[in-house]
Structure formats: structure tokens, C-alpha cells
Amino acid sequence: MTPTACPAWQRLADLKADADDAARNPHVELDGLTFDFSRYALTAEILDQLIALAEAQDLAGWRARLFAGAVVNTTEQRAAMHMALRAQPGDDWPVLEEVLAERDRCYAFADAVRSDSNITDVVNIGIGGSHLGPALVCDALHEPGDMRMHFVANVDGADLGRVLAQCDPKSTLFIIASKTFTTQETLLNARSARGWLVDALGEAAVGAHFAAVSAYPTRAAEFGIPAERVFTIWDWVGGRYSLWGAIGLPAMIALGRARFAALLTGAREIDEHFLYAHLAENIPVLMGLIAVWNRNFCGATSHAILPYADALGLLPAYLQQLVMESLGKRIDRDGGVVSYPTGPIVWGMPGTNGQHAFHQLLHQGTDAVAVDFIGFRDAVEGPDGHQRVLVANLRAQADALATGRRTGDPHRDCPGGRGSNVLMFDRLTPRNLGRLVALYEHQVFVQSVIWNLNPFDQFGVELGKELAEQYLSARKPTDSR
């Protein structure tokens, strides 16, 4: 139903006027993870009313349907069972058998690539959800000695050219990741890569130097990729939720099966927490409700993702797609135009770099911005002492936004009263990265339920693609406009 019709929504609007005087220290602990939202001025009544709003919008019912494999993608009449991709034997998913079988196929292929001394470089060609997830994982968890991984997404030829310049055809494996195997950018890059390989090694080399991830294996076969090198993605997995299955093949190759399995384990732990924890102690539920509070009652039009870990440089871009493609909607589940703001603009940069780029706006700008700080108590690598300085800066920025400063000079004053979430893990590991990404997946689902949106379709991206095809079809060979 429309959330604005809920009594809790009306009460929250009234409570916002008094929220600035709140004094609380709320946080949730979960096995080495601390979710601290104490810097938001949230009274007990505000939190109670946010939870009442979730209950009125039937969050528990939608969550149960999501995990039961029911149709929750209502516009396309599909389930959304991406959580099944991180399932373990014995879990209760209708697709469990095929998921485990395909995971084993992927692991076996990844093991073979990792043990093949003739392969030095792996190039993943995809875009959007077929690119951002594995690129994030490989970038975040790279260790010395890992195979060289490259990611090509942009149809700009410079992207592919930059990668090919670093590779030798004889020792390069290409993975073509496209659910439909018709994505314009991906197929153009794939054909160009194929031509580069054939020019060097001949047509017969294609089968040994290409693999694919697709829901349409016959199209991959037409490209010249043998069936045993084509891995499956199903229509009940949205691209931006697909990291955990075959789309993660580059990450399986880079990390090996044990480290990739730890990534799945972490995500599955959050699935369990989201499914069973009480709403008031449920981290993704609280993240989603606070996001609704920021967007609809505090006027925040954007959400800054600030990981204080250089290895998570791609996280803001990954979450940008996850949030904005899922929640960038103006039509609700019932086909009506919403009367309230929905998805925010997501952006960000690792700290401390962002402190010297855009934190000025966060502290003294005129716009309300929701902020998530993400940090790790212990360093995985790097010189001694750096992690202590990094964490100190994270905490200082969060506190400065909340408390502000009064100097008597308006140019130097910071108003304060600007809340933020702090997600603090023990260290950046595959398990914790899996937990982090799954938290945001479920946060998005919570927001979608509150706003009565379908977070699993993305029809808005189609118009531009269709027009581009029309322009390309109509353009004359000599037309250089």
C-alpha cells in the first residue's frame, strides 16, 4: 500500500520537528561487525514508528515471500532467488540442486585455469551487473601472486585497447558475461577481442581462449564457445544481484574456491540475520529504515558511501547500480505514480581521499546528505601505523558531522547535526566483504517494501538502448555526424 497512508508515516513527519534534541547511543553488534547509528538524532519513538511503518507495509510478509522463492518481481512475474546462489547443501531452496551443480562446474573450471601455467591473464567482458560485482571482489581481495584479472565494460574502444595492450593472445582467457548474450556493448567488445585473438592465433583458438556466462548457451555456441565452457545464469537472478553465481567466475579464478566460498558464507550469514533477527536488532532492516528516514523526512537527496579502505574503491560504483537501478522508480507495485521521493543518488570515494575532495560540502554545504562510513579495525596489509590513522580519520569525520563547531566566525563554523552510519568490521576478508554486500542488498529490499516498489526490474534502461539501435540502423556509412 502507499506508505503515506500509514499512521506511522504521519507520526514520523510530526516527530521530525523534535528529533534534533534526541540523545541516544544505538548500535548493533554481530560477530565482529558493529553497526553504529548513534550519530543520528533518532528518539526511541522515532525508531518505534519506523518499525511500525515496516510492519504496516508487511515487511515480514514480503521477506518471507522473497526467501520462499515466490514471485516478488511482479512486473516480470519472477522470483528473485539470488540468495540461493550462496546456499549450502541442506538449505531449503527449490533451485538448490541446480545451483550447487553449476557452482561445482564453475569451481572445476576455475581450478583448471588457476593450475594452467599457460594462462597468465583473464579478461572479463561484461557491463553493469556482469561487470561491477566480480570487479569489486577481485579489486578488494587481490593478493600477491593472484592471477592478473582485467575487466572491460565500456563500449569506448580505449577500454578494450588498454587491456589488450597488456596481454599476450597465447596466454589470455576471455570470459564473455552477458545474461542475454545480446548486450550491445558486451558483444561489440567480445567480437573485437575475438578478432584480436584470431588475427594472432587463428580461428581454431577461439574455443580454448573463450568462456561465457549466459542464460542462452546457443548464442554463446554461435560465437564459437563450446558448451562445456558456457556457465549458467538464470532468469530468477537479476544482473546486479548475480555476483554470487557464475557471474562471479572471474572472482572464483582470482581467489580460488576456498576464498570465494568464504565470500558466500559471509553473505549467507547476513541472509540468516535478515530473515530471523528482530526488526529492532536487524542491521539491514535498520539501515533501510534509516535510509527512508533520511530520504523522506530529512530531505536527503543523495547517499554518500565512504569506505575507509583503499581496496574498496569500486564499492561506491557497485552500490550506485544496486541502489539506483533497484529504487530509481516513480511507479509503485500497483502501477500508480508515487507521491513521495524514492531512490537517492548514490556516490562516494574512499577515505581519506574524499576528505580533500567533497567533505567540504558534507560539513558546510546546504544539502542534506545521508552518509555511510565503512571501516576495518585491523589492516590486512600496509606499513605499520597507517590503519590507526585511517580509523581515527573515519571516526573524526563522523563525529565532526554530528557535533559541528562554533567559533564565532561564520565562515569557520560547521552546523553539526549531520548524522551518519558507521559500519565497522574487524578486517577486510572474503567473509566480511560478502557480509557487507549482502547488507546493502537487503537494505535495498527493505526500502522497496516501504516505498511499495519492485526493486527487481529496470525498464528505464531500455529506451536509450532502443534509440541507439535505431540511430545505428539509420546512419549511412558516410555519415560522420
Protein backbone atom coordinates (compact mmCIF):
# COMPACT_ATOMS: atom_id res chain seq x y z
CA MET A 1 0.00 0.00 0.00
CA THR A 2 1.01 3.64 -0.30
CA PRO A 3 3.22 4.37 2.73
CA THR A 4 1.92 7.90 3.19
CA ALA A 5 -1.44 6.39 4.18
CA CYS A 6 0.12 4.65 7.19
CA PRO A 7 -0.43 6.35 10.57
CA ALA A 8 3.25 5.77 11.32
CA TRP A 9 4.23 7.91 8.31
CA GLN A 10 2.14 10.79 9.56
CA ARG A 11 3.55 10.44 13.06
CA LEU A 12 7.13 10.40 11.75
CA ALA A 13 6.54 13.67 9.94
CA ASP A 14 5.41 15.20 13.24
CA LEU A 15 8.34 13.74 15.17
CA LYS A 16 10.96 15.14 12.78
CA ALA A 17 10.49 18.59 14.28
CA ASP A 18 11.71 17.34 17.67
CA ALA A 19 14.34 14.85 16.52
CA ASP A 20 17.29 17.20 16.78
CA ASP A 21 17.10 17.07 20.56
CA ALA A 22 17.46 13.30 20.76
CA ALA A 23 20.30 11.81 22.77
CA ARG A 24 20.91 8.12 22.17
CA ASN A 25 23.75 5.67 21.69
CA PRO A 26 22.24 2.94 19.49
CA HIS A 27 24.34 0.27 17.87
CA VAL A 28 24.10 -3.41 16.96
CA GLU A 29 26.91 -5.98 17.29
CA LEU A 30 27.11 -9.02 15.04
CA ASP A 31 30.19 -11.24 15.33
CA GLY A 32 32.93 -8.70 14.73
CA LEU A 33 30.66 -6.21 12.97
CA THR A 34 29.45 -3.06 14.69
CA PHE A 35 26.62 -1.07 13.14
CA ASP A 36 26.64 2.31 14.89
CA PHE A 37 23.85 4.76 14.10
CA SER A 38 24.20 6.78 17.30
CA ARG A 39 25.04 9.96 15.41
CA TYR A 40 21.54 10.17 14.02
CA ALA A 41 19.10 12.08 16.20
CA LEU A 42 16.67 9.18 16.48
CA THR A 43 14.49 9.03 19.57
CA ALA A 44 13.04 5.78 20.80
CA GLU A 45 9.68 6.87 19.45
CA ILE A 46 11.08 7.60 16.01
CA LEU A 47 12.62 4.12 15.88
CA ASP A 48 9.37 2.61 17.10
CA GLN A 49 7.41 4.43 14.41
CA LEU A 50 9.87 3.40 11.68
CA ILE A 51 9.41 -0.21 12.74
CA ALA A 52 5.64 0.32 12.84
CA LEU A 53 5.87 1.62 9.27
CA ALA A 54 7.74 -1.53 8.24
CA GLU A 55 5.10 -3.67 9.89
CA ALA A 56 2.28 -1.74 8.23
CA GLN A 57 3.94 -2.28 4.85
CA ASP A 58 4.17 -6.03 5.60
CA LEU A 59 7.97 -6.23 5.56
CA ALA A 60 7.86 -9.62 7.30
CA GLY A 61 5.48 -10.97 4.68
CA TRP A 62 7.50 -9.71 1.74
CA ARG A 63 10.69 -11.03 3.32
CA ALA A 64 9.10 -14.45 3.77
CA ARG A 65 7.96 -14.49 0.14
CA LEU A 66 11.42 -13.45 -1.03
CA PHE A 67 13.09 -16.33 0.81
CA ALA A 68 10.38 -18.80 -0.21
CA GLY A 69 11.11 -18.24 -3.90
CA ALA A 70 7.69 -16.68 -4.52
CA VAL A 71 7.08 -14.13 -7.27
CA VAL A 72 8.34 -10.82 -5.88
CA ASN A 73 9.37 -9.36 -9.25
CA THR A 74 5.77 -8.61 -10.05
CA THR A 75 6.22 -6.82 -13.36
CA GLU A 76 8.13 -9.74 -14.88
CA GLN A 77 6.39 -12.47 -12.86
CA ARG A 78 9.62 -13.90 -11.48
CA ALA A 79 11.12 -14.90 -8.19
CA ALA A 80 14.31 -13.20 -7.01
CA MET A 81 16.38 -16.02 -5.57
CA HIS A 82 19.87 -14.57 -5.69
CA MET A 83 20.27 -15.66 -2.04
CA ALA A 84 20.09 -19.25 -3.30
CA LEU A 85 23.39 -18.66 -5.11
CA ARG A 86 25.15 -18.65 -1.74
CA ALA A 87 23.19 -21.60 -0.35
CA GLN A 88 24.80 -24.66 1.21
CA PRO A 89 23.75 -28.34 0.94
CA GLY A 90 20.66 -28.91 3.01
CA ASP A 91 19.25 -25.41 2.60
CA ASP A 92 15.62 -25.14 1.57
CA TRP A 93 15.62 -23.65 -1.93
CA PRO A 94 13.63 -25.08 -4.86
CA VAL A 95 16.65 -24.48 -7.11
CA LEU A 96 19.28 -25.80 -4.71
CA GLU A 97 20.33 -28.84 -6.75
CA GLU A 98 20.97 -26.91 -9.95
CA VAL A 99 22.73 -24.10 -8.07
CA LEU A 100 25.16 -26.49 -6.37
CA ALA A 101 25.79 -28.37 -9.62
CA GLU A 102 26.59 -25.17 -11.51
CA ARG A 103 28.78 -23.92 -8.68
CA ASP A 104 30.78 -27.15 -8.88
CA ARG A 105 31.17 -26.68 -12.65
CA CYS A 106 32.44 -23.14 -12.09
CA TYR A 107 34.83 -24.22 -9.35
CA ALA A 108 36.22 -27.02 -11.53
CA PHE A 109 36.80 -24.62 -14.41
CA ALA A 110 38.37 -22.04 -12.10
CA ASP A 111 40.68 -24.69 -10.63
CA ALA A 112 41.76 -25.73 -14.13
CA VAL A 113 42.53 -22.14 -15.14
CA ARG A 114 44.44 -21.47 -11.94
CA SER A 115 46.58 -24.55 -12.46
CA ASP A 116 47.25 -23.84 -16.15
CA SER A 117 50.65 -22.20 -16.36
CA ASN A 118 49.89 -21.19 -19.94
CA ILE A 119 47.22 -18.72 -18.77
CA THR A 120 48.56 -15.51 -17.24
CA ASP A 121 45.68 -13.10 -17.86
CA VAL A 122 41.89 -13.34 -17.58
CA VAL A 123 39.75 -10.67 -19.26
CA ASN A 124 36.11 -10.38 -18.21
CA ILE A 125 33.95 -8.65 -20.82
CA GLY A 126 30.59 -7.56 -19.45
CA ILE A 127 28.78 -4.46 -18.25
CA GLY A 128 26.60 -3.44 -15.32
CA GLY A 129 25.85 -6.41 -13.10
CA SER A 130 28.02 -8.64 -15.26
CA HIS A 131 30.99 -6.42 -14.53
CA LEU A 132 30.74 -4.46 -11.29
CA GLY A 133 30.39 -7.38 -8.86
CA PRO A 134 33.36 -9.51 -9.90
CA ALA A 135 35.45 -6.39 -10.50
CA LEU A 136 34.74 -5.22 -6.95
CA VAL A 137 35.63 -8.59 -5.43
CA CYS A 138 38.84 -9.01 -7.43
CA ASP A 139 39.96 -5.46 -6.68
CA ALA A 140 39.10 -5.65 -2.99
CA LEU A 141 40.59 -9.07 -2.24
CA HIS A 142 43.59 -9.22 -4.59
CA GLU A 143 46.64 -10.77 -3.01
CA PRO A 144 50.22 -11.00 -4.28
CA GLY A 145 50.52 -13.99 -6.59
CA ASP A 146 46.90 -13.90 -7.74
CA MET A 147 46.35 -14.23 -11.48
CA ARG A 148 46.15 -11.00 -13.44
CA MET A 149 42.49 -10.03 -13.86
CA HIS A 150 41.16 -7.41 -16.26
CA PHE A 151 37.66 -6.02 -16.71
CA VAL A 152 36.29 -4.44 -19.88
CA ALA A 153 32.87 -2.78 -19.84
CA ASN A 154 32.84 0.49 -21.75
CA VAL A 155 32.00 0.38 -25.46
CA ASP A 156 34.66 3.05 -25.91
CA GLY A 157 37.39 1.15 -27.74
CA ALA A 158 40.01 2.66 -25.47
CA ASP A 159 38.79 0.44 -22.63
CA LEU A 160 39.40 -2.80 -24.51
CA GLY A 161 42.53 -1.43 -26.17
CA ARG A 162 44.09 -0.58 -22.83
CA VAL A 163 43.60 -4.15 -21.62
CA LEU A 164 44.71 -5.91 -24.80
CA ALA A 165 47.92 -3.88 -24.78
CA GLN A 166 48.84 -5.66 -21.54
CA CYS A 167 48.03 -9.17 -22.75
CA ASP A 168 49.54 -11.87 -24.96
CA PRO A 169 46.97 -13.78 -27.06
CA LYS A 170 48.66 -17.10 -26.31
CA SER A 171 48.19 -16.70 -22.54
CA THR A 172 44.87 -14.84 -22.30
CA LEU A 173 41.45 -16.23 -21.37
CA PHE A 174 38.34 -14.17 -22.17
CA ILE A 175 35.07 -14.55 -20.25
CA ILE A 176 32.04 -13.10 -22.01
CA ALA A 177 29.44 -12.30 -19.34
CA SER A 178 26.03 -11.45 -20.72
CA LYS A 179 22.74 -12.84 -19.45
CA THR A 180 21.07 -12.50 -22.86
CA PHE A 181 24.25 -12.67 -24.94
CA THR A 182 22.83 -9.74 -26.91
CA THR A 183 24.05 -6.76 -24.85
CA GLN A 184 25.34 -4.28 -27.43
CA GLU A 185 28.42 -3.07 -25.58
CA THR A 186 29.47 -6.51 -24.42
CA LEU A 187 29.02 -8.18 -27.80
CA LEU A 188 30.93 -5.44 -29.64
CA ASN A 189 33.83 -5.74 -27.20
CA ALA A 190 33.66 -9.54 -27.42
CA ARG A 191 33.80 -9.53 -31.22
CA SER A 192 36.75 -7.14 -31.17
CA ALA A 193 38.57 -9.35 -28.66
CA ARG A 194 37.78 -12.38 -30.80
CA GLY A 195 39.22 -10.64 -33.85
CA TRP A 196 42.38 -9.74 -31.93
CA LEU A 197 42.81 -13.38 -30.90
CA VAL A 198 42.04 -14.83 -34.34
CA ASP A 199 44.48 -12.45 -36.02
CA ALA A 200 47.23 -13.80 -33.77
CA LEU A 201 46.32 -17.47 -33.33
CA GLY A 202 43.74 -18.35 -35.95
CA GLU A 203 40.06 -19.30 -35.79
CA ALA A 204 40.73 -22.67 -34.16
CA ALA A 205 42.00 -20.97 -30.99
CA VAL A 206 38.67 -19.36 -30.09
CA GLY A 207 37.25 -22.36 -28.24
CA ALA A 208 40.28 -22.68 -25.98
CA HIS A 209 40.58 -18.99 -25.15
CA PHE A 210 36.94 -18.04 -24.51
CA ALA A 211 34.34 -18.95 -21.91
CA ALA A 212 30.91 -17.46 -21.34
CA VAL A 213 28.28 -16.84 -18.68
CA SER A 214 24.79 -16.60 -20.11
CA ALA A 215 21.20 -17.77 -19.91
CA TYR A 216 21.36 -18.52 -23.66
CA PRO A 217 24.10 -21.11 -24.34
CA THR A 218 23.08 -21.48 -28.00
CA ARG A 219 24.07 -17.86 -28.63
CA ALA A 220 27.44 -18.47 -26.99
CA ALA A 221 27.85 -21.55 -29.20
CA GLU A 222 27.24 -19.42 -32.29
CA PHE A 223 30.11 -17.23 -31.09
CA GLY A 224 32.35 -20.31 -31.07
CA ILE A 225 32.39 -21.17 -27.36
CA PRO A 226 31.99 -24.90 -26.56
CA ALA A 227 29.08 -25.90 -24.33
CA GLU A 228 31.39 -27.15 -21.57
CA ARG A 229 32.80 -23.62 -21.28
CA VAL A 230 29.41 -21.89 -21.00
CA PHE A 231 28.10 -21.32 -17.47
CA THR A 232 24.52 -20.60 -16.50
CA ILE A 233 22.76 -17.59 -15.06
CA TRP A 234 19.02 -18.00 -14.52
CA ASP A 235 16.14 -15.59 -15.11
CA TRP A 236 15.42 -15.51 -11.37
CA VAL A 237 18.75 -13.73 -10.82
CA GLY A 238 18.91 -10.03 -11.61
CA GLY A 239 22.20 -8.83 -13.02
CA ARG A 240 23.00 -6.53 -10.11
CA TYR A 241 22.37 -9.42 -7.70
CA SER A 242 24.34 -12.02 -9.68
CA LEU A 243 27.84 -11.80 -8.21
CA TRP A 244 27.36 -14.96 -6.14
CA GLY A 245 26.92 -17.38 -9.07
CA ALA A 246 28.55 -17.91 -12.43
CA ILE A 247 28.89 -14.16 -13.00
CA GLY A 248 31.46 -14.40 -10.20
CA LEU A 249 33.59 -16.79 -12.28
CA PRO A 250 36.45 -14.26 -12.62
CA ALA A 251 36.47 -13.90 -8.84
CA MET A 252 36.48 -17.68 -8.41
CA ILE A 253 39.55 -17.81 -10.67
CA ALA A 254 41.28 -14.95 -8.89
CA LEU A 255 40.50 -16.05 -5.31
CA GLY A 256 40.28 -19.81 -5.60
CA ARG A 257 37.37 -21.85 -4.34
CA ALA A 258 38.14 -21.56 -0.61
CA ARG A 259 38.24 -17.77 -0.56
CA PHE A 260 35.21 -17.48 -2.85
CA ALA A 261 33.34 -19.91 -0.61
CA ALA A 262 34.13 -17.63 2.35
CA LEU A 263 32.56 -14.74 0.41
CA LEU A 264 29.39 -16.82 0.00
CA THR A 265 29.47 -17.82 3.67
CA GLY A 266 29.55 -14.20 4.79
CA ALA A 267 26.62 -13.26 2.58
CA ARG A 268 24.63 -16.27 3.75
CA GLU A 269 25.22 -15.26 7.39
CA ILE A 270 23.58 -11.92 6.65
CA ASP A 271 20.69 -13.71 4.91
CA GLU A 272 20.10 -15.62 8.14
CA HIS A 273 20.38 -12.48 10.24
CA PHE A 274 17.97 -10.57 7.97
CA LEU A 275 15.50 -13.43 7.99
CA TYR A 276 15.43 -14.17 11.71
CA ALA A 277 16.66 -11.18 13.77
CA HIS A 278 14.07 -8.98 15.45
CA LEU A 279 13.39 -5.85 13.42
CA ALA A 280 14.80 -3.57 16.12
CA GLU A 281 18.12 -5.51 16.12
CA ASN A 282 18.24 -6.35 12.42
CA ILE A 283 21.06 -4.45 10.74
CA PRO A 284 19.78 -4.37 7.13
CA VAL A 285 16.28 -3.52 8.39
CA LEU A 286 17.66 -0.63 10.44
CA MET A 287 19.81 0.51 7.50
CA GLY A 288 16.76 0.52 5.26
CA LEU A 289 14.55 2.34 7.76
CA ILE A 290 17.21 4.97 8.41
CA ALA A 291 17.56 5.41 4.64
CA VAL A 292 13.79 6.03 4.42
CA TRP A 293 14.03 8.47 7.34
CA ASN A 294 16.83 10.36 5.59
CA ARG A 295 15.11 10.44 2.20
CA ASN A 296 11.52 11.15 3.14
CA PHE A 297 11.71 13.05 6.40
CA CYS A 298 15.15 14.73 6.41
CA GLY A 299 15.26 15.74 2.74
CA ALA A 300 18.45 13.87 1.81
CA THR A 301 18.54 13.56 -1.97
CA SER A 302 21.83 11.69 -2.05
CA HIS A 303 23.68 8.99 -0.16
CA ALA A 304 27.48 9.09 0.19
CA ILE A 305 29.29 5.75 0.52
CA LEU A 306 32.64 6.37 2.19
CA PRO A 307 34.76 3.22 2.63
CA TYR A 308 37.89 3.89 4.66
CA ALA A 309 39.74 1.15 2.81
CA ASP A 310 41.51 1.80 -0.47
CA ALA A 311 40.72 -1.75 -1.58
CA LEU A 312 37.02 -0.82 -1.67
CA GLY A 313 37.49 1.90 -4.25
CA LEU A 314 34.88 0.26 -6.51
CA LEU A 315 32.26 -0.13 -3.77
CA PRO A 316 30.51 3.23 -4.39
CA ALA A 317 30.08 2.38 -8.08
CA TYR A 318 28.81 -1.11 -7.23
CA LEU A 319 26.26 0.25 -4.76
CA GLN A 320 25.33 3.02 -7.16
CA GLN A 321 23.94 0.43 -9.55
CA LEU A 322 22.42 -1.72 -6.80
CA VAL A 323 20.51 1.17 -5.24
CA MET A 324 19.70 3.42 -8.19
CA GLU A 325 18.69 0.67 -10.60
CA SER A 326 16.58 -1.00 -7.92
CA LEU A 327 14.97 2.06 -6.34
CA GLY A 328 15.10 4.66 -9.11
CA LYS A 329 11.36 4.23 -9.72
CA ARG A 330 8.37 6.58 -9.91
CA ILE A 331 5.74 3.87 -10.37
CA ASP A 332 4.74 1.68 -7.44
CA ARG A 333 3.86 -2.03 -7.47
CA ASP A 334 0.23 -1.17 -8.15
CA GLY A 335 1.02 0.90 -11.24
CA GLY A 336 0.44 4.27 -9.61
CA VAL A 337 2.72 7.31 -9.62
CA VAL A 338 4.32 7.75 -6.22
CA SER A 339 3.73 10.95 -4.28
CA TYR A 340 6.97 10.74 -2.25
CA PRO A 341 10.70 10.68 -3.04
CA THR A 342 12.21 7.24 -3.66
CA GLY A 343 15.75 6.22 -4.64
CA PRO A 344 18.56 8.64 -3.71
CA ILE A 345 21.61 9.48 -5.77
CA VAL A 346 24.47 7.25 -4.59
CA TRP A 347 28.06 8.42 -4.84
CA GLY A 348 31.29 8.30 -2.91
CA MET A 349 35.03 7.74 -2.72
CA PRO A 350 37.41 6.04 -0.31
CA GLY A 351 38.59 7.97 2.71
CA THR A 352 40.81 9.80 3.29
CA ASN A 353 40.86 10.94 -0.35
CA GLY A 354 37.29 12.21 -0.14
CA GLN A 355 38.19 14.47 2.78
CA HIS A 356 40.21 16.55 0.34
CA ALA A 357 37.59 16.44 -2.40
CA PHE A 358 33.96 16.77 -1.26
CA HIS A 359 33.78 16.61 2.53
CA GLN A 360 33.58 20.40 2.50
CA LEU A 361 30.03 20.05 1.16
CA LEU A 362 29.19 17.41 3.77
CA HIS A 363 30.24 19.71 6.62
CA GLN A 364 29.15 23.14 5.42
CA GLY A 365 27.02 22.64 2.31
CA THR A 366 23.32 23.40 2.03
CA ASP A 367 22.13 19.92 1.01
CA ALA A 368 21.23 17.11 3.36
CA VAL A 369 23.31 14.03 2.53
CA ALA A 370 22.95 10.56 4.02
CA VAL A 371 26.40 9.17 4.85
CA ASP A 372 27.73 5.65 5.46
CA PHE A 373 31.26 5.29 6.80
CA ILE A 374 32.70 1.78 6.33
CA GLY A 375 35.87 0.78 8.12
CA PHE A 376 38.04 -2.03 9.43
CA ARG A 377 39.77 -2.13 12.79
CA ASP A 378 42.80 -4.07 11.58
CA ALA A 379 44.83 -3.71 8.41
CA VAL A 380 45.26 -6.62 6.04
CA GLU A 381 48.48 -5.20 4.64
CA GLY A 382 50.48 -1.97 4.52
CA PRO A 383 53.09 -0.22 6.68
CA ASP A 384 52.63 -0.14 10.45
CA GLY A 385 50.66 2.75 11.85
CA HIS A 386 48.64 3.60 8.74
CA GLN A 387 45.49 1.76 9.83
CA ARG A 388 45.40 3.61 13.14
CA VAL A 389 45.48 6.95 11.33
CA LEU A 390 42.86 5.77 8.83
CA VAL A 391 40.40 4.67 11.53
CA ALA A 392 41.00 7.86 13.51
CA ASN A 393 40.06 9.90 10.46
CA LEU A 394 36.90 7.87 9.92
CA ARG A 395 35.73 8.43 13.48
CA ALA A 396 36.75 12.08 13.40
CA GLN A 397 34.75 12.75 10.25
CA ALA A 398 31.65 11.04 11.62
CA ASP A 399 31.90 12.94 14.91
CA ALA A 400 32.60 16.27 13.19
CA LEU A 401 29.49 15.92 11.04
CA ALA A 402 27.41 15.19 14.12
CA THR A 403 28.80 17.73 16.60
CA GLY A 404 29.93 20.58 14.35
CA ARG A 405 31.94 23.54 15.58
CA ARG A 406 31.19 27.04 16.87
CA THR A 407 34.00 29.60 16.56
CA GLY A 408 32.24 32.94 16.36
CA ASP A 409 33.37 33.19 12.72
CA PRO A 410 30.51 32.09 10.39
CA HIS A 411 33.00 31.11 7.70
CA ARG A 412 34.64 28.61 10.03
CA ASP A 413 31.53 27.37 11.79
CA CYS A 414 30.16 23.91 10.99
CA PRO A 415 26.50 23.48 11.92
CA GLY A 416 26.71 19.83 13.01
CA GLY A 417 23.57 17.79 13.46
CA ARG A 418 24.50 15.77 10.38
CA GLY A 419 24.14 12.09 11.14
CA SER A 420 25.87 9.08 9.66
CA ASN A 421 26.02 5.32 9.90
CA VAL A 422 29.31 3.64 10.79
CA LEU A 423 29.82 0.04 9.73
CA MET A 424 32.97 -1.27 11.39
CA PHE A 425 34.37 -4.76 10.73
CA ASP A 426 37.41 -6.42 12.22
CA ARG A 427 39.27 -6.65 8.90
CA LEU A 428 38.67 -6.88 5.15
CA THR A 429 38.31 -10.58 4.37
CA PRO A 430 36.24 -12.51 1.82
CA ARG A 431 33.69 -13.33 4.51
CA ASN A 432 33.34 -9.71 5.58
CA LEU A 433 33.07 -8.46 2.02
CA GLY A 434 30.27 -10.96 1.47
CA ARG A 435 28.57 -9.71 4.63
CA LEU A 436 28.94 -6.09 3.57
CA VAL A 437 27.43 -6.54 0.10
CA ALA A 438 24.56 -8.66 1.42
CA LEU A 439 23.72 -5.99 3.99
CA TYR A 440 23.15 -3.49 1.23
CA GLU A 441 21.17 -5.96 -0.88
CA HIS A 442 18.73 -6.44 1.96
CA GLN A 443 18.70 -2.73 2.83
CA VAL A 444 17.50 -2.05 -0.70
CA PHE A 445 14.77 -4.67 -0.33
CA VAL A 446 13.58 -3.04 2.91
CA GLN A 447 13.38 0.35 1.22
CA SER A 448 11.48 -1.16 -1.71
CA VAL A 449 8.88 -2.64 0.63
CA ILE A 450 8.40 0.64 2.49
CA TRP A 451 8.06 2.55 -0.79
CA ASN A 452 5.88 -0.16 -2.41
CA LEU A 453 8.33 -0.58 -5.31
CA ASN A 454 9.53 -3.55 -7.34
CA PRO A 455 13.33 -3.46 -6.92
CA PHE A 456 13.99 -6.27 -9.41
CA ASP A 457 13.10 -4.72 -12.78
CA GLN A 458 14.86 -1.91 -14.67
CA PHE A 459 12.73 -0.92 -17.64
CA GLY A 460 14.10 2.61 -17.53
CA VAL A 461 17.40 1.50 -19.05
CA GLU A 462 15.76 0.14 -22.21
CA LEU A 463 14.67 3.31 -24.03
CA GLY A 464 18.17 4.63 -24.56
CA LYS A 465 19.34 1.23 -25.83
CA GLU A 466 16.47 1.05 -28.31
CA LEU A 467 17.14 4.56 -29.61
CA ALA A 468 20.84 3.82 -30.01
CA GLU A 469 19.98 0.79 -32.16
CA GLN A 470 17.66 2.92 -34.25
CA TYR A 471 20.33 5.57 -34.77
CA LEU A 472 22.89 2.93 -35.76
CA SER A 473 20.46 1.30 -38.20
CA ALA A 474 19.52 4.60 -39.82
CA ARG A 475 23.01 6.00 -40.13
CA LYS A 476 24.59 5.93 -43.56
CA PRO A 477 28.15 4.58 -43.89
CA THR A 478 29.40 8.02 -44.99
CA ASP A 479 27.55 9.90 -42.27
CA SER A 480 30.12 11.10 -39.72
CA ARG A 481 27.75 13.12 -37.56
